[in-house]
Amino acid sequence: MLICRCAWHQRYRGYPRLSGVASWRGWNIRFTDGICESCLVRFRIEHRRFLEQKHPSPKPVVRATAPSDAVA
């Protein structure tokens, strides 16, 4: 069984919030972490200034090649 939980709940509220069963294969329990709606809203409010910044697009990588020395 694969159970989804909010990894951000531990930081904000002290316990993980279970979001539901993602997969049911046998009786072994495993967890996968994500973020719930309430923590996502809080994250967006706290990081709004960074998220709204216009980031410059990265410059393309140009590979420089050394001239080949042809032996005649």
PDB file of N, CA and C in Angstrom:
ATOM      1  N   MET A   1       0.844  -1.155   0.000  1.00  0.00           N
ATOM      2  CA  MET A   1       0.000   0.000   0.000  1.00  0.00           C
ATOM      3  C   MET A   1       0.904   1.238   0.000  1.00  0.00           C
ATOM      4  N   LEU A   2       0.621   2.170  -0.869  1.00  0.00           N
ATOM      5  CA  LEU A   2       1.369   3.417  -0.976  1.00  0.00           C
ATOM      6  C   LEU A   2       0.446   4.544  -0.521  1.00  0.00           C
ATOM      7  N   ILE A   3       0.818   5.210   0.574  1.00  0.00           N
ATOM      8  CA  ILE A   3      -0.021   6.259   1.149  1.00  0.00           C
ATOM      9  C   ILE A   3       0.617   7.616   0.895  1.00  0.00           C
ATOM     10  N   CYS A   4      -0.170   8.547   0.386  1.00  0.00           N
ATOM     11  CA  CYS A   4       0.301   9.921   0.163  1.00  0.00           C
ATOM     12  C   CYS A   4       0.189  10.695   1.469  1.00  0.00           C
ATOM     13  N   ARG A   5       1.176  11.545   1.727  1.00  0.00           N
ATOM     14  CA  ARG A   5       1.118  12.411   2.898  1.00  0.00           C
ATOM     15  C   ARG A   5       1.741  13.753   2.561  1.00  0.00           C
ATOM     16  N   CYS A   6       1.365  14.769   3.311  1.00  0.00           N
ATOM     17  CA  CYS A   6       1.882  16.117   3.096  1.00  0.00           C
ATOM     18  C   CYS A   6       3.162  16.287   3.897  1.00  0.00           C
ATOM     19  N   ALA A   7       4.273  16.435   3.214  1.00  0.00           N
ATOM     20  CA  ALA A   7       5.568  16.599   3.878  1.00  0.00           C
ATOM     21  C   ALA A   7       5.659  17.950   4.574  1.00  0.00           C
ATOM     22  N   TRP A   8       4.868  18.927   4.146  1.00  0.00           N
ATOM     23  CA  TRP A   8       4.924  20.272   4.727  1.00  0.00           C
ATOM     24  C   TRP A   8       4.197  20.354   6.052  1.00  0.00           C
ATOM     25  N   HIS A   9       3.286  19.448   6.341  1.00  0.00           N
ATOM     26  CA  HIS A   9       2.572  19.480   7.608  1.00  0.00           C
ATOM     27  C   HIS A   9       3.512  19.320   8.794  1.00  0.00           C
ATOM     28  N   GLN A  10       4.569  18.542   8.641  1.00  0.00           N
ATOM     29  CA  GLN A  10       5.519  18.365   9.743  1.00  0.00           C
ATOM     30  C   GLN A  10       6.155  19.698  10.093  1.00  0.00           C
ATOM     31  N   ARG A  11       6.451  20.516   9.090  1.00  0.00           N
ATOM     32  CA  ARG A  11       7.084  21.810   9.329  1.00  0.00           C
ATOM     33  C   ARG A  11       6.095  22.798   9.941  1.00  0.00           C
ATOM     34  N   TYR A  12       4.870  22.820   9.438  1.00  0.00           N
ATOM     35  CA  TYR A  12       3.912  23.837   9.867  1.00  0.00           C
ATOM     36  C   TYR A  12       3.062  23.415  11.062  1.00  0.00           C
ATOM     37  N   ARG A  13       2.705  22.155  11.125  1.00  0.00           N
ATOM     38  CA  ARG A  13       1.757  21.745  12.156  1.00  0.00           C
ATOM     39  C   ARG A  13       2.245  20.591  13.026  1.00  0.00           C
ATOM     40  N   GLY A  14       3.431  20.052  12.753  1.00  0.00           N
ATOM     41  CA  GLY A  14       4.006  19.037  13.623  1.00  0.00           C
ATOM     42  C   GLY A  14       3.633  17.600  13.318  1.00  0.00           C
ATOM     43  N   TYR A  15       2.764  17.339  12.355  1.00  0.00           N
ATOM     44  CA  TYR A  15       2.411  15.961  12.017  1.00  0.00           C
ATOM     45  C   TYR A  15       2.094  15.881  10.527  1.00  0.00           C
ATOM     46  N   PRO A  16       2.376  14.746   9.900  1.00  0.00           N
ATOM     47  CA  PRO A  16       2.045  14.626   8.477  1.00  0.00           C
ATOM     48  C   PRO A  16       0.546  14.395   8.292  1.00  0.00           C
ATOM     49  N   ARG A  17      -0.020  14.997   7.283  1.00  0.00           N
ATOM     50  CA  ARG A  17      -1.430  14.796   6.970  1.00  0.00           C
ATOM     51  C   ARG A  17      -1.527  13.743   5.876  1.00  0.00           C
ATOM     52  N   LEU A  18      -2.269  12.704   6.128  1.00  0.00           N
ATOM     53  CA  LEU A  18      -2.446  11.659   5.126  1.00  0.00           C
ATOM     54  C   LEU A  18      -3.420  12.141   4.065  1.00  0.00           C
ATOM     55  N   SER A  19      -3.007  12.022   2.809  1.00  0.00           N
ATOM     56  CA  SER A  19      -3.849  12.486   1.705  1.00  0.00           C
ATOM     57  C   SER A  19      -4.650  11.371   1.082  1.00  0.00           C
ATOM     58  N   GLY A  20      -4.255  10.140   1.295  1.00  0.00           N
ATOM     59  CA  GLY A  20      -5.008   9.038   0.719  1.00  0.00           C
ATOM     60  C   GLY A  20      -4.101   7.926   0.240  1.00  0.00           C
ATOM     61  N   VAL A  21      -4.728   6.880  -0.246  1.00  0.00           N
ATOM     62  CA  VAL A  21      -4.001   5.722  -0.762  1.00  0.00           C
ATOM     63  C   VAL A  21      -3.712   5.953  -2.237  1.00  0.00           C
ATOM     64  N   ALA A  22      -2.441   5.894  -2.603  1.00  0.00           N
ATOM     65  CA  ALA A  22      -2.058   6.104  -3.999  1.00  0.00           C
ATOM     66  C   ALA A  22      -2.013   4.784  -4.762  1.00  0.00           C
ATOM     67  N   SER A  23      -1.677   3.720  -4.075  1.00  0.00           N
ATOM     68  CA  SER A  23      -1.573   2.419  -4.728  1.00  0.00           C
ATOM     69  C   SER A  23      -1.775   1.335  -3.678  1.00  0.00           C
ATOM     70  N   TRP A  24      -2.430   0.260  -4.081  1.00  0.00           N
ATOM     71  CA  TRP A  24      -2.663  -0.835  -3.140  1.00  0.00           C
ATOM     72  C   TRP A  24      -2.127  -2.115  -3.758  1.00  0.00           C
ATOM     73  N   ARG A  25      -0.904  -2.473  -3.367  1.00  0.00           N
ATOM     74  CA  ARG A  25      -0.294  -3.721  -3.848  1.00  0.00           C
ATOM     75  C   ARG A  25       0.246  -4.469  -2.643  1.00  0.00           C
ATOM     76  N   GLY A  26      -0.518  -5.370  -2.124  1.00  0.00           N
ATOM     77  CA  GLY A  26      -0.102  -6.145  -0.966  1.00  0.00           C
ATOM     78  C   GLY A  26      -0.340  -5.391   0.330  1.00  0.00           C
ATOM     79  N   TRP A  27       0.246  -5.918   1.412  1.00  0.00           N
ATOM     80  CA  TRP A  27       0.006  -5.359   2.740  1.00  0.00           C
ATOM     81  C   TRP A  27       1.183  -4.541   3.263  1.00  0.00           C
ATOM     82  N   ASN A  28       2.238  -4.373   2.488  1.00  0.00           N
ATOM     83  CA  ASN A  28       3.348  -3.527   2.912  1.00  0.00           C
ATOM     84  C   ASN A  28       2.916  -2.066   2.804  1.00  0.00           C
ATOM     85  N   ILE A  29       3.311  -1.267   3.789  1.00  0.00           N
ATOM     86  CA  ILE A  29       2.948   0.155   3.773  1.00  0.00           C
ATOM     87  C   ILE A  29       4.174   0.978   3.433  1.00  0.00           C
ATOM     88  N   ARG A  30       4.037   1.821   2.414  1.00  0.00           N
ATOM     89  CA  ARG A  30       5.073   2.781   2.028  1.00  0.00           C
ATOM     90  C   ARG A  30       4.410   4.141   1.907  1.00  0.00           C
ATOM     91  N   PHE A  31       5.230   5.189   2.014  1.00  0.00           N
ATOM     92  CA  PHE A  31       4.705   6.544   1.951  1.00  0.00           C
ATOM     93  C   PHE A  31       5.353   7.312   0.807  1.00  0.00           C
ATOM     94  N   THR A  32       4.596   8.219   0.235  1.00  0.00           N
ATOM     95  CA  THR A  32       5.122   9.158  -0.739  1.00  0.00           C
ATOM     96  C   THR A  32       4.733  10.555  -0.275  1.00  0.00           C
ATOM     97  N   ASP A  33       5.633  11.508  -0.413  1.00  0.00           N
ATOM     98  CA  ASP A  33       5.398  12.851   0.101  1.00  0.00           C
ATOM     99  C   ASP A  33       4.972  13.802  -1.000  1.00  0.00           C
ATOM    100  N   GLY A  34       4.116  14.727  -0.644  1.00  0.00           N
ATOM    101  CA  GLY A  34       3.652  15.767  -1.559  1.00  0.00           C
ATOM    102  C   GLY A  34       3.330  17.001  -0.736  1.00  0.00           C
ATOM    103  N   ILE A  35       2.366  17.784  -1.184  1.00  0.00           N
ATOM    104  CA  ILE A  35       1.935  18.975  -0.455  1.00  0.00           C
ATOM    105  C   ILE A  35       0.421  19.080  -0.592  1.00  0.00           C
ATOM    106  N   CYS A  36      -0.260  19.358   0.527  1.00  0.00           N
ATOM    107  CA  CYS A  36      -1.721  19.463   0.491  1.00  0.00           C
ATOM    108  C   CYS A  36      -2.116  20.884   0.090  1.00  0.00           C
ATOM    109  N   GLU A  37      -3.392  21.090  -0.185  1.00  0.00           N
ATOM    110  CA  GLU A  37      -3.882  22.386  -0.659  1.00  0.00           C
ATOM    111  C   GLU A  37      -3.628  23.506   0.344  1.00  0.00           C
ATOM    112  N   SER A  38      -3.881  23.269   1.636  1.00  0.00           N
ATOM    113  CA  SER A  38      -3.715  24.342   2.625  1.00  0.00           C
ATOM    114  C   SER A  38      -2.249  24.742   2.771  1.00  0.00           C
ATOM    115  N   CYS A  39      -1.339  23.785   2.726  1.00  0.00           N
ATOM    116  CA  CYS A  39       0.092  24.108   2.797  1.00  0.00           C
ATOM    117  C   CYS A  39       0.559  24.784   1.511  1.00  0.00           C
ATOM    118  N   LEU A  40      -0.020  24.414   0.375  1.00  0.00           N
ATOM    119  CA  LEU A  40       0.329  25.049  -0.891  1.00  0.00           C
ATOM    120  C   LEU A  40      -0.071  26.527  -0.886  1.00  0.00           C
ATOM    121  N   VAL A  41      -1.241  26.827  -0.349  1.00  0.00           N
ATOM    122  CA  VAL A  41      -1.678  28.223  -0.244  1.00  0.00           C
ATOM    123  C   VAL A  41      -0.721  28.996   0.654  1.00  0.00           C
ATOM    124  N   ARG A  42      -0.362  28.418   1.792  1.00  0.00           N
ATOM    125  CA  ARG A  42       0.561  29.066   2.722  1.00  0.00           C
ATOM    126  C   ARG A  42       1.928  29.277   2.063  1.00  0.00           C
ATOM    127  N   PHE A  43       2.421  28.272   1.322  1.00  0.00           N
ATOM    128  CA  PHE A  43       3.706  28.383   0.633  1.00  0.00           C
ATOM    129  C   PHE A  43       3.677  29.529  -0.386  1.00  0.00           C
ATOM    130  N   ARG A  44       2.591  29.612  -1.161  1.00  0.00           N
ATOM    131  CA  ARG A  44       2.485  30.670  -2.176  1.00  0.00           C
ATOM    132  C   ARG A  44       2.440  32.057  -1.548  1.00  0.00           C
ATOM    133  N   ILE A  45       1.744  32.188  -0.417  1.00  0.00           N
ATOM    134  CA  ILE A  45       1.690  33.479   0.273  1.00  0.00           C
ATOM    135  C   ILE A  45       3.076  33.867   0.775  1.00  0.00           C
ATOM    136  N   GLU A  46       3.770  32.928   1.405  1.00  0.00           N
ATOM    137  CA  GLU A  46       5.084  33.216   1.983  1.00  0.00           C
ATOM    138  C   GLU A  46       6.142  33.500   0.921  1.00  0.00           C
ATOM    139  N   HIS A  47       6.011  32.907  -0.270  1.00  0.00           N
ATOM    140  CA  HIS A  47       7.037  33.028  -1.304  1.00  0.00           C
ATOM    141  C   HIS A  47       6.541  33.801  -2.525  1.00  0.00           C
ATOM    142  N   ARG A  48       5.470  34.572  -2.352  1.00  0.00           N
ATOM    143  CA  ARG A  48       4.872  35.293  -3.476  1.00  0.00           C
ATOM    144  C   ARG A  48       5.868  36.217  -4.168  1.00  0.00           C
ATOM    145  N   ARG A  49       6.656  36.947  -3.383  1.00  0.00           N
ATOM    146  CA  ARG A  49       7.593  37.907  -3.965  1.00  0.00           C
ATOM    147  C   ARG A  49       8.582  37.208  -4.894  1.00  0.00           C
ATOM    148  N   PHE A  50       9.095  36.053  -4.478  1.00  0.00           N
ATOM    149  CA  PHE A  50      10.041  35.304  -5.314  1.00  0.00           C
ATOM    150  C   PHE A  50       9.341  34.718  -6.540  1.00  0.00           C
ATOM    151  N   LEU A  51       8.147  34.184  -6.360  1.00  0.00           N
ATOM    152  CA  LEU A  51       7.439  33.538  -7.465  1.00  0.00           C
ATOM    153  C   LEU A  51       7.017  34.523  -8.550  1.00  0.00           C
ATOM    154  N   GLU A  52       6.796  35.786  -8.166  1.00  0.00           N
ATOM    155  CA  GLU A  52       6.360  36.776  -9.138  1.00  0.00           C
ATOM    156  C   GLU A  52       7.513  37.481  -9.839  1.00  0.00           C
ATOM    157  N   GLN A  53       8.739  37.244  -9.417  1.00  0.00           N
ATOM    158  CA  GLN A  53       9.898  37.871 -10.062  1.00  0.00           C
ATOM    159  C   GLN A  53      10.054  37.352 -11.480  1.00  0.00           C
ATOM    160  N   LYS A  54      10.505  38.230 -12.346  1.00  0.00           N
ATOM    161  CA  LYS A  54      10.825  37.828 -13.717  1.00  0.00           C
ATOM    162  C   LYS A  54      12.282  37.390 -13.730  1.00  0.00           C
ATOM    163  N   HIS A  55      12.500  36.137 -13.999  1.00  0.00           N
ATOM    164  CA  HIS A  55      13.855  35.604 -14.046  1.00  0.00           C
ATOM    165  C   HIS A  55      14.359  35.643 -15.479  1.00  0.00           C
ATOM    166  N   PRO A  56      15.573  36.118 -15.690  1.00  0.00           N
ATOM    167  CA  PRO A  56      16.106  36.146 -17.060  1.00  0.00           C
ATOM    168  C   PRO A  56      16.287  34.721 -17.578  1.00  0.00           C
ATOM    169  N   SER A  57      16.040  34.563 -18.860  1.00  0.00           N
ATOM    170  CA  SER A  57      16.222  33.239 -19.445  1.00  0.00           C
ATOM    171  C   SER A  57      17.715  32.929 -19.518  1.00  0.00           C
ATOM    172  N   PRO A  58      18.076  31.685 -19.322  1.00  0.00           N
ATOM    173  CA  PRO A  58      19.498  31.338 -19.347  1.00  0.00           C
ATOM    174  C   PRO A  58      20.092  31.515 -20.741  1.00  0.00           C
ATOM    175  N   LYS A  59      21.366  31.871 -20.759  1.00  0.00           N
ATOM    176  CA  LYS A  59      22.046  32.046 -22.040  1.00  0.00           C
ATOM    177  C   LYS A  59      22.335  30.677 -22.642  1.00  0.00           C
ATOM    178  N   PRO A  60      22.254  30.564 -23.956  1.00  0.00           N
ATOM    179  CA  PRO A  60      22.545  29.264 -24.580  1.00  0.00           C
ATOM    180  C   PRO A  60      24.021  28.913 -24.410  1.00  0.00           C
ATOM    181  N   VAL A  61      24.281  27.647 -24.281  1.00  0.00           N
ATOM    182  CA  VAL A  61      25.648  27.160 -24.131  1.00  0.00           C
ATOM    183  C   VAL A  61      26.259  27.001 -25.519  1.00  0.00           C
ATOM    184  N   VAL A  62      27.410  27.628 -25.718  1.00  0.00           N
ATOM    185  CA  VAL A  62      28.124  27.525 -26.993  1.00  0.00           C
ATOM    186  C   VAL A  62      29.395  26.746 -26.727  1.00  0.00           C
ATOM    187  N   ARG A  63      29.552  25.668 -27.425  1.00  0.00           N
ATOM    188  CA  ARG A  63      30.750  24.844 -27.242  1.00  0.00           C
ATOM    189  C   ARG A  63      31.855  25.355 -28.149  1.00  0.00           C
ATOM    190  N   ALA A  64      32.974  25.618 -27.539  1.00  0.00           N
ATOM    191  CA  ALA A  64      34.130  26.070 -28.319  1.00  0.00           C
ATOM    192  C   ALA A  64      34.947  24.847 -28.711  1.00  0.00           C
ATOM    193  N   THR A  65      35.300  24.783 -29.953  1.00  0.00           N
ATOM    194  CA  THR A  65      36.120  23.662 -30.419  1.00  0.00           C
ATOM    195  C   THR A  65      37.468  24.201 -30.848  1.00  0.00           C
ATOM    196  N   ALA A  66      38.483  23.458 -30.504  1.00  0.00           N
ATOM    197  CA  ALA A  66      39.840  23.859 -30.912  1.00  0.00           C
ATOM    198  C   ALA A  66      40.034  23.485 -32.376  1.00  0.00           C
ATOM    199  N   PRO A  67      40.756  24.333 -33.115  1.00  0.00           N
ATOM    200  CA  PRO A  67      41.001  23.993 -34.521  1.00  0.00           C
ATOM    201  C   PRO A  67      41.832  22.709 -34.579  1.00  0.00           C
ATOM    202  N   SER A  68      41.446  21.846 -35.480  1.00  0.00           N
ATOM    203  CA  SER A  68      42.200  20.603 -35.604  1.00  0.00           C
ATOM    204  C   SER A  68      43.481  20.851 -36.409  1.00  0.00           C
ATOM    205  N   ASP A  69      44.562  20.290 -35.927  1.00  0.00           N
ATOM    206  CA  ASP A  69      45.838  20.411 -36.619  1.00  0.00           C
ATOM    207  C   ASP A  69      45.980  19.218 -37.560  1.00  0.00           C
ATOM    208  N   ALA A  70      45.793  19.499 -38.817  1.00  0.00           N
ATOM    209  CA  ALA A  70      45.911  18.429 -39.802  1.00  0.00           C
ATOM    210  C   ALA A  70      47.380  18.214 -40.137  1.00  0.00           C
ATOM    211  N   VAL A  71      47.783  16.977 -40.045  1.00  0.00           N
ATOM    212  CA  VAL A  71      49.170  16.637 -40.394  1.00  0.00           C
ATOM    213  C   VAL A  71      49.178  16.196 -41.846  1.00  0.00           C
ATOM    214  N   ALA A  72      50.003  16.878 -42.642  1.00  0.00           N
ATOM    215  CA  ALA A  72      50.026  16.576 -44.062  1.00  0.00           C
ATOM    216  C   ALA A  72      51.120  15.614 -44.402  1.00  0.00           C
TER     217      ALA A  72
END
